[in-house]
Amino acid sequence: MKFRLFGGRRVLPVERRPELDREERVLAWAPVGEDDTVVATNLGLWWGGTRTGWHRIDKAVWDGEHLVVTPAELVAERAGYDVIADGTPVRLRLADPDHVPHQVRLRVTGSVRHPQHYELPGGGVWVFARRVPGADGLAWAVRYDQGTDGDDPAVVAATDQLVAQSQGDAVA
């Protein structure tokens, strides 16, 4: 099922359109079976009736048939940053993907700023910022390497310092 209008541009049918915010616009879409649609907008990726902001998608992989999206799971909120971990990957079969994989790659990778990996006692941590669609500034986050105890007071103190240093470097 293809819907084309004017120069090959796809038009999202009303019955497949999620409830978009006023400032939200559709960039690409693809049907997922008969009842669901993946919709890439300027604010995030819709599937299953909900939107996940680009800054809350950790990974997205296109294998030519499936789009596998790994959302970020919030582990803790700390002063000036969030601690995140990979959530459960969602596998979406796109029979007619059109520009969805391209938009997802562009938006997810384009939202990441200042990624840096640091060694910590007992492991390591990624410190990075994400551009939040529809908001000014950057949201800072960390992801601990597997096996790193993110609750250890020494690790928390070191992480606090690393985030503050990274925030300062981003401004300079």
Protein backbone atom coordinates (compact mmCIF):
# COMPACT_ATOMS: atom_id res chain seq x y z
CA MET A 1 0.00 0.00 0.00
CA LYS A 2 1.64 3.21 -1.20
CA PHE A 3 0.33 6.74 -0.91
CA ARG A 4 2.07 9.20 -3.23
CA LEU A 5 1.37 12.80 -4.05
CA PHE A 6 3.33 15.42 -6.00
CA GLY A 7 6.76 14.23 -7.06
CA GLY A 8 6.74 10.95 -5.14
CA ARG A 9 6.23 12.44 -1.67
CA ARG A 10 4.28 10.13 0.63
CA VAL A 11 1.21 11.44 2.40
CA LEU A 12 0.32 9.87 5.74
CA PRO A 13 -3.34 8.75 5.70
CA VAL A 14 -5.47 10.34 8.42
CA GLU A 15 -6.35 6.95 9.93
CA ARG A 16 -2.64 6.21 10.50
CA ARG A 17 -1.76 9.66 11.86
CA PRO A 18 -0.89 9.85 15.58
CA GLU A 19 -2.08 12.76 17.69
CA LEU A 20 0.71 15.21 16.95
CA ASP A 21 1.62 18.30 18.98
CA ARG A 22 0.97 21.67 17.33
CA GLU A 23 4.63 22.21 16.43
CA GLU A 24 5.18 18.60 15.36
CA ARG A 25 5.53 17.71 11.70
CA VAL A 26 5.80 14.36 9.91
CA LEU A 27 9.18 13.64 8.26
CA ALA A 28 8.62 10.04 7.16
CA TRP A 29 6.38 7.10 7.93
CA ALA A 30 6.06 3.39 7.26
CA PRO A 31 3.26 0.91 7.90
CA VAL A 32 3.92 -1.86 10.42
CA GLY A 33 1.37 -4.51 9.60
CA GLU A 34 -2.27 -3.58 9.13
CA ASP A 35 -2.82 -1.72 12.40
CA ASP A 36 0.32 0.20 13.31
CA THR A 37 2.52 2.82 11.73
CA VAL A 38 6.02 4.09 12.51
CA VAL A 39 6.04 7.86 12.15
CA ALA A 40 9.23 9.92 12.32
CA THR A 41 8.57 13.55 13.26
CA ASN A 42 10.76 16.48 14.18
CA LEU A 43 10.11 15.65 17.88
CA GLY A 44 10.55 11.88 17.93
CA LEU A 45 9.57 8.45 16.70
CA TRP A 46 6.01 7.15 17.04
CA TRP A 47 5.15 3.46 17.25
CA GLY A 48 2.50 1.57 19.16
CA GLY A 49 0.56 4.79 19.72
CA THR A 50 3.27 6.62 21.69
CA ARG A 51 6.14 8.92 20.82
CA THR A 52 9.71 8.48 22.04
CA GLY A 53 11.77 11.66 21.77
CA TRP A 54 14.96 11.42 19.72
CA HIS A 55 16.99 12.13 22.86
CA ARG A 56 15.46 9.02 24.50
CA ILE A 57 16.50 6.58 21.78
CA ASP A 58 19.87 5.00 22.58
CA LYS A 59 20.28 2.93 19.45
CA ALA A 60 18.51 2.25 16.19
CA VAL A 61 19.58 -0.37 13.64
CA TRP A 62 18.11 -1.00 10.19
CA ASP A 63 18.83 -4.44 8.71
CA GLY A 64 16.93 -3.96 5.45
CA GLU A 65 13.68 -5.40 6.82
CA HIS A 66 13.49 -4.55 10.53
CA LEU A 67 14.09 -1.36 12.43
CA VAL A 68 15.35 -2.25 15.91
CA VAL A 69 14.94 0.66 18.32
CA THR A 70 16.52 0.59 21.78
CA PRO A 71 14.96 3.25 23.99
CA ALA A 72 16.86 4.75 26.90
CA GLU A 73 15.67 3.71 30.34
CA LEU A 74 15.99 6.28 33.11
CA VAL A 75 17.90 4.73 36.02
CA ALA A 76 18.39 7.83 38.20
CA GLU A 77 18.13 11.59 38.11
CA ARG A 78 21.11 13.44 39.55
CA ALA A 79 21.94 17.11 39.84
CA GLY A 80 22.55 18.26 36.26
CA TYR A 81 22.28 14.90 34.52
CA ASP A 82 20.40 11.62 34.15
CA VAL A 83 21.75 8.10 34.52
CA ILE A 84 20.40 5.91 31.72
CA ALA A 85 20.66 2.32 30.57
CA ASP A 86 19.49 0.54 27.44
CA GLY A 87 15.82 -0.36 27.61
CA THR A 88 14.24 -3.36 25.91
CA PRO A 89 14.81 -3.25 22.14
CA VAL A 90 11.69 -3.01 19.96
CA ARG A 91 11.77 -4.82 16.62
CA LEU A 92 9.56 -3.26 13.93
CA ARG A 93 9.12 -4.91 10.54
CA LEU A 94 8.87 -2.22 7.85
CA ALA A 95 7.67 -3.75 4.58
CA ASP A 96 7.75 -0.35 2.83
CA PRO A 97 10.30 1.69 4.87
CA ASP A 98 10.55 4.71 2.54
CA HIS A 99 12.73 7.32 4.36
CA VAL A 100 12.09 6.13 7.93
CA PRO A 101 15.48 4.41 8.48
CA HIS A 102 17.33 7.45 7.11
CA GLN A 103 15.39 9.90 9.29
CA VAL A 104 15.87 7.74 12.38
CA ARG A 105 19.63 7.52 11.84
CA LEU A 106 19.90 11.23 11.11
CA ARG A 107 17.84 12.28 14.15
CA VAL A 108 19.29 9.86 16.70
CA THR A 109 22.94 10.45 15.81
CA GLY A 110 22.32 14.16 15.29
CA SER A 111 20.97 14.56 18.81
CA VAL A 112 24.21 13.39 20.50
CA ARG A 113 26.74 16.03 21.53
CA HIS A 114 30.10 15.85 23.32
CA PRO A 115 30.32 12.05 23.82
CA GLN A 116 33.30 11.06 25.95
CA HIS A 117 34.28 7.81 27.63
CA TYR A 118 36.09 7.84 30.97
CA GLU A 119 37.63 5.15 33.14
CA LEU A 120 36.25 4.89 36.69
CA PRO A 121 37.01 2.72 39.69
CA GLY A 122 35.70 -0.71 38.69
CA GLY A 123 34.73 0.21 35.13
CA GLY A 124 33.87 3.19 32.97
CA VAL A 125 31.22 5.67 31.95
CA TRP A 126 30.03 7.47 28.84
CA VAL A 127 29.23 11.13 29.44
CA PHE A 128 27.29 12.92 26.72
CA ALA A 129 24.70 15.56 26.00
CA ARG A 130 21.59 15.25 23.86
CA ARG A 131 19.67 17.92 22.02
CA VAL A 132 16.05 17.68 23.13
CA PRO A 133 13.62 18.34 20.27
CA GLY A 134 11.50 21.41 20.92
CA ALA A 135 13.68 22.63 23.83
CA ASP A 136 16.64 24.98 24.09
CA GLY A 137 19.96 23.76 25.42
CA LEU A 138 21.31 20.31 26.08
CA ALA A 139 20.27 17.50 28.43
CA TRP A 140 23.26 15.70 29.97
CA ALA A 141 23.31 11.97 30.63
CA VAL A 142 25.66 9.16 31.54
CA ARG A 143 25.68 5.45 30.77
CA TYR A 144 27.84 3.21 32.91
CA ASP A 145 29.76 0.35 31.34
CA GLN A 146 28.48 -3.09 32.23
CA GLY A 147 29.85 -4.10 35.62
CA THR A 148 30.39 -0.52 36.84
CA ASP A 149 28.62 0.11 40.17
CA GLY A 150 26.79 3.37 39.51
CA ASP A 151 25.61 3.47 43.14
CA ASP A 152 29.11 3.35 44.66
CA PRO A 153 29.69 6.74 46.36
CA ALA A 154 33.20 7.01 44.85
CA VAL A 155 31.82 6.32 41.37
CA VAL A 156 28.99 8.84 41.88
CA ALA A 157 31.45 11.53 43.05
CA ALA A 158 33.78 10.86 40.11
CA THR A 159 30.83 10.93 37.70
CA ASP A 160 29.62 14.24 39.13
CA GLN A 161 33.07 15.73 38.50
CA LEU A 162 33.28 14.32 34.97
CA VAL A 163 29.85 15.67 34.03
CA ALA A 164 30.68 19.11 35.45
CA GLN A 165 33.99 19.09 33.53
CA SER A 166 32.22 18.05 30.31
CA GLN A 167 29.56 20.73 30.75
CA GLY A 168 32.30 23.32 31.24
CA ASP A 169 34.20 22.10 28.17
CA ALA A 170 31.01 22.29 26.09
CA VAL A 171 30.54 25.96 26.98
CA ALA A 172 34.18 26.93 26.38
